[in-house]
């Protein structure tokens, strides 16, 4: 599948680009930012209709349910799951942590995750 666009909050101009390969966000921000050259999106994701679909369905994927449930979650780097209600906060924390640290080992990131059910 590669990457999808997730919209954590229905009424906020904020999107996360979620990689199904590494199970973590590879970018986030406003639609305008992500569609700009500065947003570093691949050409495959740089399409308005994918953002429109995320506005309508909560993600650009037809494989995920159309839901705005704040408890809906995604796997995060095999470290746990992140519910929709904490995705914006996750982006804030990741912006502060930066790429030099291993995100899924950072205490502020781990505090936002729910453990996998079998753990």
PDB file of N, CA and C in Angstrom:
ATOM      1  N   UNK A   1       0.825  -1.193   0.000  1.00  0.00           N
ATOM      2  CA  UNK A   1       0.000   0.000   0.000  1.00  0.00           C
ATOM      3  C   UNK A   1       0.866   1.252   0.000  1.00  0.00           C
ATOM      4  N   UNK A   2       2.031   1.266   0.634  1.00  0.00           N
ATOM      5  CA  UNK A   2       2.880   2.447   0.642  1.00  0.00           C
ATOM      6  C   UNK A   2       2.484   3.431   1.704  1.00  0.00           C
ATOM      7  N   UNK A   3       1.919   4.564   1.297  1.00  0.00           N
ATOM      8  CA  UNK A   3       1.517   5.612   2.236  1.00  0.00           C
ATOM      9  C   UNK A   3       0.093   6.050   1.981  1.00  0.00           C
ATOM     10  N   UNK A   4      -0.552   6.472   3.060  1.00  0.00           N
ATOM     11  CA  UNK A   4      -1.892   7.034   2.960  1.00  0.00           C
ATOM     12  C   UNK A   4      -1.922   8.381   3.672  1.00  0.00           C
ATOM     13  N   UNK A   5      -2.949   9.126   3.414  1.00  0.00           N
ATOM     14  CA  UNK A   5      -3.159  10.400   4.099  1.00  0.00           C
ATOM     15  C   UNK A   5      -4.228  10.171   5.158  1.00  0.00           C
ATOM     16  N   UNK A   6      -3.912  10.528   6.387  1.00  0.00           N
ATOM     17  CA  UNK A   6      -4.856  10.406   7.499  1.00  0.00           C
ATOM     18  C   UNK A   6      -5.180  11.808   7.992  1.00  0.00           C
ATOM     19  N   UNK A   7      -6.449  12.062   8.227  1.00  0.00           N
ATOM     20  CA  UNK A   7      -6.883  13.335   8.792  1.00  0.00           C
ATOM     21  C   UNK A   7      -7.361  13.061  10.219  1.00  0.00           C
ATOM     22  N   UNK A   8      -6.553  13.395  11.222  1.00  0.00           N
ATOM     23  CA  UNK A   8      -6.915  13.064  12.595  1.00  0.00           C
ATOM     24  C   UNK A   8      -8.183  13.757  13.107  1.00  0.00           C
ATOM     25  N   UNK A   9      -8.393  15.005  12.714  1.00  0.00           N
ATOM     26  CA  UNK A   9      -9.555  15.748  13.206  1.00  0.00           C
ATOM     27  C   UNK A   9     -10.340  16.305  12.027  1.00  0.00           C
ATOM     28  N   UNK A  10     -11.625  16.060  12.032  1.00  0.00           N
ATOM     29  CA  UNK A  10     -12.489  16.438  10.910  1.00  0.00           C
ATOM     30  C   UNK A  10     -12.411  17.929  10.570  1.00  0.00           C
ATOM     31  N   UNK A  11     -12.396  18.796  11.576  1.00  0.00           N
ATOM     32  CA  UNK A  11     -12.498  20.236  11.332  1.00  0.00           C
ATOM     33  C   UNK A  11     -11.164  20.973  11.362  1.00  0.00           C
ATOM     34  N   UNK A  12     -10.064  20.254  11.348  1.00  0.00           N
ATOM     35  CA  UNK A  12      -8.744  20.887  11.408  1.00  0.00           C
ATOM     36  C   UNK A  12      -8.005  20.638  10.093  1.00  0.00           C
ATOM     37  N   UNK A  13      -7.373  21.674   9.556  1.00  0.00           N
ATOM     38  CA  UNK A  13      -6.573  21.553   8.336  1.00  0.00           C
ATOM     39  C   UNK A  13      -5.218  20.952   8.704  1.00  0.00           C
ATOM     40  N   UNK A  14      -5.242  19.670   9.026  1.00  0.00           N
ATOM     41  CA  UNK A  14      -4.044  18.972   9.449  1.00  0.00           C
ATOM     42  C   UNK A  14      -4.138  17.528   8.968  1.00  0.00           C
ATOM     43  N   UNK A  15      -3.052  17.051   8.381  1.00  0.00           N
ATOM     44  CA  UNK A  15      -3.003  15.715   7.795  1.00  0.00           C
ATOM     45  C   UNK A  15      -1.687  15.055   8.184  1.00  0.00           C
ATOM     46  N   UNK A  16      -1.719  13.731   8.274  1.00  0.00           N
ATOM     47  CA  UNK A  16      -0.498  12.961   8.487  1.00  0.00           C
ATOM     48  C   UNK A  16      -0.332  12.015   7.298  1.00  0.00           C
ATOM     49  N   UNK A  17       0.870  11.917   6.814  1.00  0.00           N
ATOM     50  CA  UNK A  17       1.202  10.950   5.785  1.00  0.00           C
ATOM     51  C   UNK A  17       1.712   9.719   6.528  1.00  0.00           C
ATOM     52  N   UNK A  18       0.987   8.614   6.423  1.00  0.00           N
ATOM     53  CA  UNK A  18       1.290   7.418   7.207  1.00  0.00           C
ATOM     54  C   UNK A  18       1.828   6.332   6.300  1.00  0.00           C
ATOM     55  N   UNK A  19       3.015   5.856   6.617  1.00  0.00           N
ATOM     56  CA  UNK A  19       3.652   4.791   5.846  1.00  0.00           C
ATOM     57  C   UNK A  19       3.244   3.433   6.392  1.00  0.00           C
ATOM     58  N   UNK A  20       2.716   2.590   5.531  1.00  0.00           N
ATOM     59  CA  UNK A  20       2.384   1.230   5.949  1.00  0.00           C
ATOM     60  C   UNK A  20       3.624   0.330   5.922  1.00  0.00           C
ATOM     61  N   UNK A  21       4.701   0.837   5.389  1.00  0.00           N
ATOM     62  CA  UNK A  21       5.942   0.065   5.342  1.00  0.00           C
ATOM     63  C   UNK A  21       6.658   0.126   6.694  1.00  0.00           C
ATOM     64  N   UNK A  22       6.749   1.325   7.271  1.00  0.00           N
ATOM     65  CA  UNK A  22       7.413   1.480   8.568  1.00  0.00           C
ATOM     66  C   UNK A  22       6.420   1.719   9.704  1.00  0.00           C
ATOM     67  N   UNK A  23       5.122   1.783   9.386  1.00  0.00           N
ATOM     68  CA  UNK A  23       4.078   1.997  10.393  1.00  0.00           C
ATOM     69  C   UNK A  23       4.322   3.237  11.240  1.00  0.00           C
ATOM     70  N   UNK A  24       4.605   4.333  10.567  1.00  0.00           N
ATOM     71  CA  UNK A  24       4.753   5.599  11.273  1.00  0.00           C
ATOM     72  C   UNK A  24       4.556   6.742  10.293  1.00  0.00           C
ATOM     73  N   UNK A  25       4.317   7.922  10.818  1.00  0.00           N
ATOM     74  CA  UNK A  25       4.140   9.060   9.918  1.00  0.00           C
ATOM     75  C   UNK A  25       5.466   9.471   9.284  1.00  0.00           C
ATOM     76  N   UNK A  26       5.394   9.852   8.027  1.00  0.00           N
ATOM     77  CA  UNK A  26       6.583  10.345   7.332  1.00  0.00           C
ATOM     78  C   UNK A  26       6.474  11.835   7.046  1.00  0.00           C
ATOM     79  N   UNK A  27       5.342  12.416   7.375  1.00  0.00           N
ATOM     80  CA  UNK A  27       5.135  13.849   7.209  1.00  0.00           C
ATOM     81  C   UNK A  27       3.804  14.248   7.798  1.00  0.00           C
ATOM     82  N   UNK A  28       3.639  15.533   8.055  1.00  0.00           N
ATOM     83  CA  UNK A  28       2.388  16.052   8.605  1.00  0.00           C
ATOM     84  C   UNK A  28       2.347  17.546   8.392  1.00  0.00           C
ATOM     85  N   UNK A  29       1.154  18.068   8.438  1.00  0.00           N
ATOM     86  CA  UNK A  29       0.968  19.512   8.285  1.00  0.00           C
ATOM     87  C   UNK A  29      -0.331  19.829   7.574  1.00  0.00           C
ATOM     88  N   UNK A  30      -0.456  21.083   7.171  1.00  0.00           N
ATOM     89  CA  UNK A  30      -1.649  21.520   6.455  1.00  0.00           C
ATOM     90  C   UNK A  30      -1.637  20.964   5.033  1.00  0.00           C
ATOM     91  N   UNK A  31      -2.783  20.992   4.403  1.00  0.00           N
ATOM     92  CA  UNK A  31      -2.875  20.551   3.008  1.00  0.00           C
ATOM     93  C   UNK A  31      -1.939  21.384   2.137  1.00  0.00           C
ATOM     94  N   UNK A  32      -1.980  22.698   2.309  1.00  0.00           N
ATOM     95  CA  UNK A  32      -1.150  23.592   1.501  1.00  0.00           C
ATOM     96  C   UNK A  32       0.332  23.251   1.668  1.00  0.00           C
ATOM     97  N   UNK A  33       0.766  23.063   2.908  1.00  0.00           N
ATOM     98  CA  UNK A  33       2.165  22.723   3.155  1.00  0.00           C
ATOM     99  C   UNK A  33       2.533  21.394   2.506  1.00  0.00           C
ATOM    100  N   UNK A  34       1.710  20.370   2.735  1.00  0.00           N
ATOM    101  CA  UNK A  34       2.045  19.042   2.213  1.00  0.00           C
ATOM    102  C   UNK A  34       2.034  18.992   0.691  1.00  0.00           C
ATOM    103  N   UNK A  35       1.186  19.780   0.064  1.00  0.00           N
ATOM    104  CA  UNK A  35       1.146  19.796  -1.402  1.00  0.00           C
ATOM    105  C   UNK A  35       2.241  20.674  -2.011  1.00  0.00           C
ATOM    106  N   UNK A  36       2.892  21.490  -1.190  1.00  0.00           N
ATOM    107  CA  UNK A  36       3.977  22.334  -1.687  1.00  0.00           C
ATOM    108  C   UNK A  36       5.250  21.502  -1.848  1.00  0.00           C
ATOM    109  N   UNK A  37       6.214  22.054  -2.529  1.00  0.00           N
ATOM    110  CA  UNK A  37       7.510  21.377  -2.680  1.00  0.00           C
ATOM    111  C   UNK A  37       8.161  21.139  -1.321  1.00  0.00           C
ATOM    112  N   UNK A  38       7.934  22.049  -0.405  1.00  0.00           N
ATOM    113  CA  UNK A  38       8.507  21.933   0.934  1.00  0.00           C
ATOM    114  C   UNK A  38       7.944  20.729   1.695  1.00  0.00           C
ATOM    115  N   UNK A  39       6.750  20.272   1.316  1.00  0.00           N
ATOM    116  CA  UNK A  39       6.104  19.160   1.981  1.00  0.00           C
ATOM    117  C   UNK A  39       6.718  17.806   1.697  1.00  0.00           C
ATOM    118  N   UNK A  40       7.555  17.713   0.663  1.00  0.00           N
ATOM    119  CA  UNK A  40       8.302  16.489   0.330  1.00  0.00           C
ATOM    120  C   UNK A  40       7.419  15.268   0.079  1.00  0.00           C
ATOM    121  N   UNK A  41       6.255  15.459  -0.482  1.00  0.00           N
ATOM    122  CA  UNK A  41       5.403  14.316  -0.828  1.00  0.00           C
ATOM    123  C   UNK A  41       5.879  13.697  -2.131  1.00  0.00           C
ATOM    124  N   UNK A  42       5.682  12.399  -2.244  1.00  0.00           N
ATOM    125  CA  UNK A  42       5.949  11.765  -3.530  1.00  0.00           C
ATOM    126  C   UNK A  42       4.869  12.208  -4.509  1.00  0.00           C
ATOM    127  N   UNK A  43       5.166  12.123  -5.787  1.00  0.00           N
ATOM    128  CA  UNK A  43       4.194  12.535  -6.800  1.00  0.00           C
ATOM    129  C   UNK A  43       2.885  11.764  -6.671  1.00  0.00           C
ATOM    130  N   UNK A  44       2.966  10.494  -6.251  1.00  0.00           N
ATOM    131  CA  UNK A  44       1.765   9.688  -6.102  1.00  0.00           C
ATOM    132  C   UNK A  44       0.815  10.209  -5.045  1.00  0.00           C
ATOM    133  N   UNK A  45       1.347  10.879  -4.023  1.00  0.00           N
ATOM    134  CA  UNK A  45       0.505  11.432  -2.967  1.00  0.00           C
ATOM    135  C   UNK A  45       0.146  12.891  -3.201  1.00  0.00           C
ATOM    136  N   UNK A  46       0.814  13.530  -4.140  1.00  0.00           N
ATOM    137  CA  UNK A  46       0.590  14.954  -4.367  1.00  0.00           C
ATOM    138  C   UNK A  46      -0.617  15.148  -5.276  1.00  0.00           C
ATOM    139  N   UNK A  47      -1.765  14.681  -4.795  1.00  0.00           N
ATOM    140  CA  UNK A  47      -2.989  14.788  -5.587  1.00  0.00           C
ATOM    141  C   UNK A  47      -4.108  15.290  -4.693  1.00  0.00           C
ATOM    142  N   UNK A  48      -4.771  16.338  -5.127  1.00  0.00           N
ATOM    143  CA  UNK A  48      -5.856  16.949  -4.356  1.00  0.00           C
ATOM    144  C   UNK A  48      -6.942  15.938  -3.998  1.00  0.00           C
ATOM    145  N   UNK A  49      -7.246  15.011  -4.922  1.00  0.00           N
ATOM    146  CA  UNK A  49      -8.353  14.080  -4.646  1.00  0.00           C
ATOM    147  C   UNK A  49      -8.064  13.157  -3.468  1.00  0.00           C
ATOM    148  N   UNK A  50      -6.795  12.890  -3.187  1.00  0.00           N
ATOM    149  CA  UNK A  50      -6.477  12.076  -2.015  1.00  0.00           C
ATOM    150  C   UNK A  50      -6.768  12.849  -0.730  1.00  0.00           C
ATOM    151  N   UNK A  51      -6.469  14.136  -0.740  1.00  0.00           N
ATOM    152  CA  UNK A  51      -6.794  14.968   0.414  1.00  0.00           C
ATOM    153  C   UNK A  51      -8.312  15.133   0.539  1.00  0.00           C
ATOM    154  N   UNK A  52      -9.001  15.262  -0.594  1.00  0.00           N
ATOM    155  CA  UNK A  52     -10.466  15.339  -0.572  1.00  0.00           C
ATOM    156  C   UNK A  52     -11.051  14.063   0.035  1.00  0.00           C
ATOM    157  N   UNK A  53     -10.496  12.927  -0.333  1.00  0.00           N
ATOM    158  CA  UNK A  53     -10.982  11.655   0.201  1.00  0.00           C
ATOM    159  C   UNK A  53     -10.743  11.586   1.711  1.00  0.00           C
ATOM    160  N   UNK A  54      -9.584  12.065   2.163  1.00  0.00           N
ATOM    161  CA  UNK A  54      -9.304  12.093   3.603  1.00  0.00           C
ATOM    162  C   UNK A  54     -10.271  13.045   4.321  1.00  0.00           C
ATOM    163  N   UNK A  55     -10.610  14.157   3.678  1.00  0.00           N
ATOM    164  CA  UNK A  55     -11.592  15.078   4.271  1.00  0.00           C
ATOM    165  C   UNK A  55     -12.943  14.398   4.451  1.00  0.00           C
ATOM    166  N   UNK A  56     -13.300  13.569   3.509  1.00  0.00           N
ATOM    167  CA  UNK A  56     -14.602  12.901   3.517  1.00  0.00           C
ATOM    168  C   UNK A  56     -14.619  11.653   4.402  1.00  0.00           C
ATOM    169  N   UNK A  57     -13.578  10.824   4.291  1.00  0.00           N
ATOM    170  CA  UNK A  57     -13.580   9.497   4.913  1.00  0.00           C
ATOM    171  C   UNK A  57     -12.716   9.382   6.164  1.00  0.00           C
ATOM    172  N   UNK A  58     -11.865  10.336   6.436  1.00  0.00           N
ATOM    173  CA  UNK A  58     -10.888  10.374   7.529  1.00  0.00           C
ATOM    174  C   UNK A  58      -9.523   9.819   7.116  1.00  0.00           C
ATOM    175  N   UNK A  59      -9.457   9.150   5.975  1.00  0.00           N
ATOM    176  CA  UNK A  59      -8.173   8.751   5.403  1.00  0.00           C
ATOM    177  C   UNK A  59      -8.352   8.618   3.893  1.00  0.00           C
ATOM    178  N   UNK A  60      -7.241   8.595   3.187  1.00  0.00           N
ATOM    179  CA  UNK A  60      -7.318   8.468   1.735  1.00  0.00           C
ATOM    180  C   UNK A  60      -7.496   7.021   1.300  1.00  0.00           C
ATOM    181  N   UNK A  61      -7.441   6.091   2.233  1.00  0.00           N
ATOM    182  CA  UNK A  61      -7.504   4.671   1.906  1.00  0.00           C
ATOM    183  C   UNK A  61      -8.933   4.154   1.896  1.00  0.00           C
ATOM    184  N   UNK A  62      -9.253   3.368   0.874  1.00  0.00           N
ATOM    185  CA  UNK A  62     -10.525   2.664   0.866  1.00  0.00           C
ATOM    186  C   UNK A  62     -10.421   1.358   1.659  1.00  0.00           C
ATOM    187  N   UNK A  63      -9.206   0.960   2.043  1.00  0.00           N
ATOM    188  CA  UNK A  63      -9.019  -0.260   2.818  1.00  0.00           C
ATOM    189  C   UNK A  63      -9.353  -0.052   4.293  1.00  0.00           C
ATOM    190  N   UNK A  64      -9.256   1.185   4.762  1.00  0.00           N
ATOM    191  CA  UNK A  64      -9.598   1.501   6.147  1.00  0.00           C
ATOM    192  C   UNK A  64     -11.056   1.903   6.219  1.00  0.00           C
ATOM    193  N   UNK A  65     -11.678   1.683   7.363  1.00  0.00           N
ATOM    194  CA  UNK A  65     -13.087   2.078   7.485  1.00  0.00           C
ATOM    195  C   UNK A  65     -13.236   3.597   7.445  1.00  0.00           C
ATOM    196  N   UNK A  66     -14.379   4.027   6.949  1.00  0.00           N
ATOM    197  CA  UNK A  66     -14.698   5.450   7.002  1.00  0.00           C
ATOM    198  C   UNK A  66     -15.190   5.723   8.409  1.00  0.00           C
ATOM    199  N   UNK A  67     -14.332   6.326   9.226  1.00  0.00           N
ATOM    200  CA  UNK A  67     -14.699   6.557  10.618  1.00  0.00           C
ATOM    201  C   UNK A  67     -14.007   7.798  11.158  1.00  0.00           C
ATOM    202  N   UNK A  68     -14.721   8.519  11.954  1.00  0.00           N
ATOM    203  CA  UNK A  68     -14.142   9.656  12.675  1.00  0.00           C
ATOM    204  C   UNK A  68     -14.034   9.335  14.164  1.00  0.00           C
ATOM    205  N   UNK A  69     -14.191   8.071  14.513  1.00  0.00           N
ATOM    206  CA  UNK A  69     -14.093   7.622  15.899  1.00  0.00           C
ATOM    207  C   UNK A  69     -12.711   7.982  16.438  1.00  0.00           C
ATOM    208  N   UNK A  70     -12.673   8.703  17.555  1.00  0.00           N
ATOM    209  CA  UNK A  70     -11.377   9.146  18.072  1.00  0.00           C
ATOM    210  C   UNK A  70     -10.555   8.001  18.663  1.00  0.00           C
ATOM    211  N   UNK A  71     -11.180   6.847  18.899  1.00  0.00           N
ATOM    212  CA  UNK A  71     -10.447   5.690  19.393  1.00  0.00           C
ATOM    213  C   UNK A  71      -9.862   4.828  18.278  1.00  0.00           C
ATOM    214  N   UNK A  72     -10.238   5.106  17.008  1.00  0.00           N
ATOM    215  CA  UNK A  72      -9.665   4.379  15.875  1.00  0.00           C
ATOM    216  C   UNK A  72      -8.163   4.604  15.910  1.00  0.00           C
ATOM    217  N   UNK A  73      -7.391   3.561  15.659  1.00  0.00           N
ATOM    218  CA  UNK A  73      -5.942   3.707  15.812  1.00  0.00           C
ATOM    219  C   UNK A  73      -5.173   3.027  14.686  1.00  0.00           C
ATOM    220  N   UNK A  74      -3.913   3.399  14.619  1.00  0.00           N
ATOM    221  CA  UNK A  74      -2.963   2.801  13.680  1.00  0.00           C
ATOM    222  C   UNK A  74      -1.781   2.251  14.465  1.00  0.00           C
ATOM    223  N   UNK A  75      -1.146   1.224  13.934  1.00  0.00           N
ATOM    224  CA  UNK A  75       0.099   0.736  14.526  1.00  0.00           C
ATOM    225  C   UNK A  75       1.162   1.811  14.366  1.00  0.00           C
ATOM    226  N   UNK A  76       1.993   1.929  15.388  1.00  0.00           N
ATOM    227  CA  UNK A  76       3.102   2.875  15.324  1.00  0.00           C
ATOM    228  C   UNK A  76       4.409   2.129  15.566  1.00  0.00           C
ATOM    229  N   UNK A  77       5.171   1.947  14.506  1.00  0.00           N
ATOM    230  CA  UNK A  77       6.539   1.408  14.549  1.00  0.00           C
ATOM    231  C   UNK A  77       6.659   0.132  15.390  1.00  0.00           C
ATOM    232  N   UNK A  78       5.631  -0.694  15.389  1.00  0.00           N
ATOM    233  CA  UNK A  78       5.614  -1.933  16.166  1.00  0.00           C
ATOM    234  C   UNK A  78       5.863  -1.699  17.652  1.00  0.00           C
ATOM    235  N   UNK A  79       5.609  -0.469  18.117  1.00  0.00           N
ATOM    236  CA  UNK A  79       5.792  -0.135  19.533  1.00  0.00           C
ATOM    237  C   UNK A  79       4.457  -0.034  20.260  1.00  0.00           C
ATOM    238  N   UNK A  80       3.362  -0.029  19.524  1.00  0.00           N
ATOM    239  CA  UNK A  80       2.026   0.105  20.098  1.00  0.00           C
ATOM    240  C   UNK A  80       1.106   0.711  19.057  1.00  0.00           C
ATOM    241  N   UNK A  81      -0.043   1.173  19.504  1.00  0.00           N
ATOM    242  CA  UNK A  81      -0.977   1.827  18.585  1.00  0.00           C
ATOM    243  C   UNK A  81      -1.196   3.264  19.034  1.00  0.00           C
ATOM    244  N   UNK A  82      -1.511   4.110  18.068  1.00  0.00           N
ATOM    245  CA  UNK A  82      -1.792   5.514  18.367  1.00  0.00           C
ATOM    246  C   UNK A  82      -3.232   5.801  17.958  1.00  0.00           C
ATOM    247  N   UNK A  83      -4.093   6.156  18.926  1.00  0.00           N
ATOM    248  CA  UNK A  83      -5.471   6.487  18.566  1.00  0.00           C
ATOM    249  C   UNK A  83      -5.552   7.840  17.876  1.00  0.00           C
ATOM    250  N   UNK A  84      -6.550   7.984  17.053  1.00  0.00           N
ATOM    251  CA  UNK A  84      -6.782   9.231  16.324  1.00  0.00           C
ATOM    252  C   UNK A  84      -6.749  10.438  17.269  1.00  0.00           C
ATOM    253  N   UNK A  85      -7.301  10.299  18.449  1.00  0.00           N
ATOM    254  CA  UNK A  85      -7.391  11.418  19.384  1.00  0.00           C
ATOM    255  C   UNK A  85      -6.028  11.941  19.835  1.00  0.00           C
ATOM    256  N   UNK A  86      -4.955  11.150  19.637  1.00  0.00           N
ATOM    257  CA  UNK A  86      -3.610  11.581  20.053  1.00  0.00           C
ATOM    258  C   UNK A  86      -2.662  11.816  18.879  1.00  0.00           C
ATOM    259  N   UNK A  87      -3.162  11.734  17.665  1.00  0.00           N
ATOM    260  CA  UNK A  87      -2.283  11.877  16.497  1.00  0.00           C
ATOM    261  C   UNK A  87      -1.724  13.291  16.345  1.00  0.00           C
ATOM    262  N   UNK A  88      -2.530  14.315  16.623  1.00  0.00           N
ATOM    263  CA  UNK A  88      -2.022  15.686  16.515  1.00  0.00           C
ATOM    264  C   UNK A  88      -0.919  15.906  17.551  1.00  0.00           C
ATOM    265  N   UNK A  89      -1.138  15.429  18.768  1.00  0.00           N
ATOM    266  CA  UNK A  89      -0.123  15.548  19.821  1.00  0.00           C
ATOM    267  C   UNK A  89       1.129  14.767  19.422  1.00  0.00           C
ATOM    268  N   UNK A  90       0.954  13.609  18.805  1.00  0.00           N
ATOM    269  CA  UNK A  90       2.104  12.828  18.337  1.00  0.00           C
ATOM    270  C   UNK A  90       2.940  13.651  17.363  1.00  0.00           C
ATOM    271  N   UNK A  91       2.287  14.335  16.432  1.00  0.00           N
ATOM    272  CA  UNK A  91       3.022  15.162  15.470  1.00  0.00           C
ATOM    273  C   UNK A  91       3.784  16.277  16.183  1.00  0.00           C
ATOM    274  N   UNK A  92       3.174  16.872  17.197  1.00  0.00           N
ATOM    275  CA  UNK A  92       3.869  17.918  17.961  1.00  0.00           C
ATOM    276  C   UNK A  92       5.119  17.354  18.634  1.00  0.00           C
ATOM    277  N   UNK A  93       4.983  16.185  19.254  1.00  0.00           N
ATOM    278  CA  UNK A  93       6.117  15.563  19.938  1.00  0.00           C
ATOM    279  C   UNK A  93       7.197  15.173  18.932  1.00  0.00           C
ATOM    280  N   UNK A  94       6.801  14.555  17.818  1.00  0.00           N
ATOM    281  CA  UNK A  94       7.779  14.159  16.813  1.00  0.00           C
ATOM    282  C   UNK A  94       8.513  15.360  16.230  1.00  0.00           C
ATOM    283  N   UNK A  95       7.826  16.488  16.109  1.00  0.00           N
ATOM    284  CA  UNK A  95       8.474  17.701  15.601  1.00  0.00           C
ATOM    285  C   UNK A  95       9.567  18.180  16.555  1.00  0.00           C
ATOM    286  N   UNK A  96       9.350  17.987  17.838  1.00  0.00           N
ATOM    287  CA  UNK A  96      10.355  18.395  18.843  1.00  0.00           C
ATOM    288  C   UNK A  96      11.491  17.382  18.943  1.00  0.00           C
ATOM    289  N   UNK A  97      11.170  16.105  18.817  1.00  0.00           N
ATOM    290  CA  UNK A  97      12.172  15.053  18.946  1.00  0.00           C
ATOM    291  C   UNK A  97      13.151  15.114  17.781  1.00  0.00           C
ATOM    292  N   UNK A  98      12.644  15.321  16.586  1.00  0.00           N
ATOM    293  CA  UNK A  98      13.495  15.404  15.405  1.00  0.00           C
ATOM    294  C   UNK A  98      13.902  14.035  14.885  1.00  0.00           C
ATOM    295  N   UNK A  99      14.508  14.028  13.735  1.00  0.00           N
ATOM    296  CA  UNK A  99      14.878  12.780  13.066  1.00  0.00           C
ATOM    297  C   UNK A  99      16.144  12.142  13.631  1.00  0.00           C
ATOM    298  N   UNK A 100      16.881  12.854  14.473  1.00  0.00           N
ATOM    299  CA  UNK A 100      18.128  12.295  14.987  1.00  0.00           C
ATOM    300  C   UNK A 100      17.901  11.211  16.032  1.00  0.00           C
ATOM    301  N   UNK A 101      16.743  11.216  16.671  1.00  0.00           N
ATOM    302  CA  UNK A 101      16.444  10.214  17.687  1.00  0.00           C
ATOM    303  C   UNK A 101      15.550   9.130  17.092  1.00  0.00           C
ATOM    304  N   UNK A 102      15.579   7.969  17.706  1.00  0.00           N
ATOM    305  CA  UNK A 102      14.685   6.895  17.299  1.00  0.00           C
ATOM    306  C   UNK A 102      13.332   7.192  17.942  1.00  0.00           C
ATOM    307  N   UNK A 103      12.360   7.559  17.125  1.00  0.00           N
ATOM    308  CA  UNK A 103      11.068   8.020  17.624  1.00  0.00           C
ATOM    309  C   UNK A 103      10.409   7.039  18.559  1.00  0.00           C
ATOM    310  N   UNK A 104      10.372   5.781  18.162  1.00  0.00           N
ATOM    311  CA  UNK A 104       9.599   4.809  18.926  1.00  0.00           C
ATOM    312  C   UNK A 104      10.259   4.426  20.247  1.00  0.00           C
ATOM    313  N   UNK A 105      11.454   4.936  20.524  1.00  0.00           N
ATOM    314  CA  UNK A 105      12.095   4.702  21.813  1.00  0.00           C
ATOM    315  C   UNK A 105      12.034   5.933  22.709  1.00  0.00           C
ATOM    316  N   UNK A 106      11.531   7.040  22.199  1.00  0.00           N
ATOM    317  CA  UNK A 106      11.491   8.275  22.970  1.00  0.00           C
ATOM    318  C   UNK A 106      10.341   8.224  23.971  1.00  0.00           C
ATOM    319  N   UNK A 107      10.608   8.571  25.226  1.00  0.00           N
ATOM    320  CA  UNK A 107       9.610   8.458  26.295  1.00  0.00           C
ATOM    321  C   UNK A 107       8.338   9.255  26.005  1.00  0.00           C
ATOM    322  N   UNK A 108       8.469  10.456  25.427  1.00  0.00           N
ATOM    323  CA  UNK A 108       7.287  11.277  25.147  1.00  0.00           C
ATOM    324  C   UNK A 108       6.415  10.651  24.054  1.00  0.00           C
ATOM    325  N   UNK A 109       7.041   9.927  23.134  1.00  0.00           N
ATOM    326  CA  UNK A 109       6.275   9.218  22.103  1.00  0.00           C
ATOM    327  C   UNK A 109       5.608   7.994  22.719  1.00  0.00           C
ATOM    328  N   UNK A 110       6.352   7.224  23.463  1.00  0.00           N
ATOM    329  CA  UNK A 110       5.811   6.010  24.081  1.00  0.00           C
ATOM    330  C   UNK A 110       4.631   6.317  24.999  1.00  0.00           C
ATOM    331  N   UNK A 111       4.654   7.468  25.651  1.00  0.00           N
ATOM    332  CA  UNK A 111       3.566   7.849  26.558  1.00  0.00           C
ATOM    333  C   UNK A 111       2.246   8.051  25.816  1.00  0.00           C
ATOM    334  N   UNK A 112       2.310   8.335  24.512  1.00  0.00           N
ATOM    335  CA  UNK A 112       1.101   8.554  23.714  1.00  0.00           C
ATOM    336  C   UNK A 112       0.514   7.267  23.144  1.00  0.00           C
ATOM    337  N   UNK A 113       1.293   6.199  23.184  1.00  0.00           N
ATOM    338  CA  UNK A 113       0.880   4.942  22.562  1.00  0.00           C
ATOM    339  C   UNK A 113       0.111   4.051  23.524  1.00  0.00           C
ATOM    340  N   UNK A 114      -0.756   3.255  22.963  1.00  0.00           N
ATOM    341  CA  UNK A 114      -1.409   2.177  23.696  1.00  0.00           C
ATOM    342  C   UNK A 114      -0.651   0.893  23.364  1.00  0.00           C
ATOM    343  N   UNK A 115      -0.400   0.051  24.370  1.00  0.00           N
ATOM    344  CA  UNK A 115       0.305  -1.196  24.067  1.00  0.00           C
ATOM    345  C   UNK A 115      -0.580  -2.102  23.212  1.00  0.00           C
ATOM    346  N   UNK A 116       0.055  -2.982  22.481  1.00  0.00           N
ATOM    347  CA  UNK A 116      -0.701  -3.969  21.710  1.00  0.00           C
ATOM    348  C   UNK A 116      -1.514  -4.823  22.684  1.00  0.00           C
ATOM    349  N   UNK A 117      -2.654  -5.277  22.252  1.00  0.00           N
ATOM    350  CA  UNK A 117      -3.569  -6.023  23.130  1.00  0.00           C
ATOM    351  C   UNK A 117      -2.955  -7.300  23.685  1.00  0.00           C
ATOM    352  N   UNK A 118      -2.055  -7.928  22.960  1.00  0.00           N
ATOM    353  CA  UNK A 118      -1.480  -9.192  23.422  1.00  0.00           C
ATOM    354  C   UNK A 118      -0.295  -9.011  24.358  1.00  0.00           C
ATOM    355  N   UNK A 119       0.013  -7.766  24.717  1.00  0.00           N
ATOM    356  CA  UNK A 119       1.163  -7.520  25.600  1.00  0.00           C
ATOM    357  C   UNK A 119       0.715  -7.240  27.012  1.00  0.00           C
TER     358      UNK A 119
END
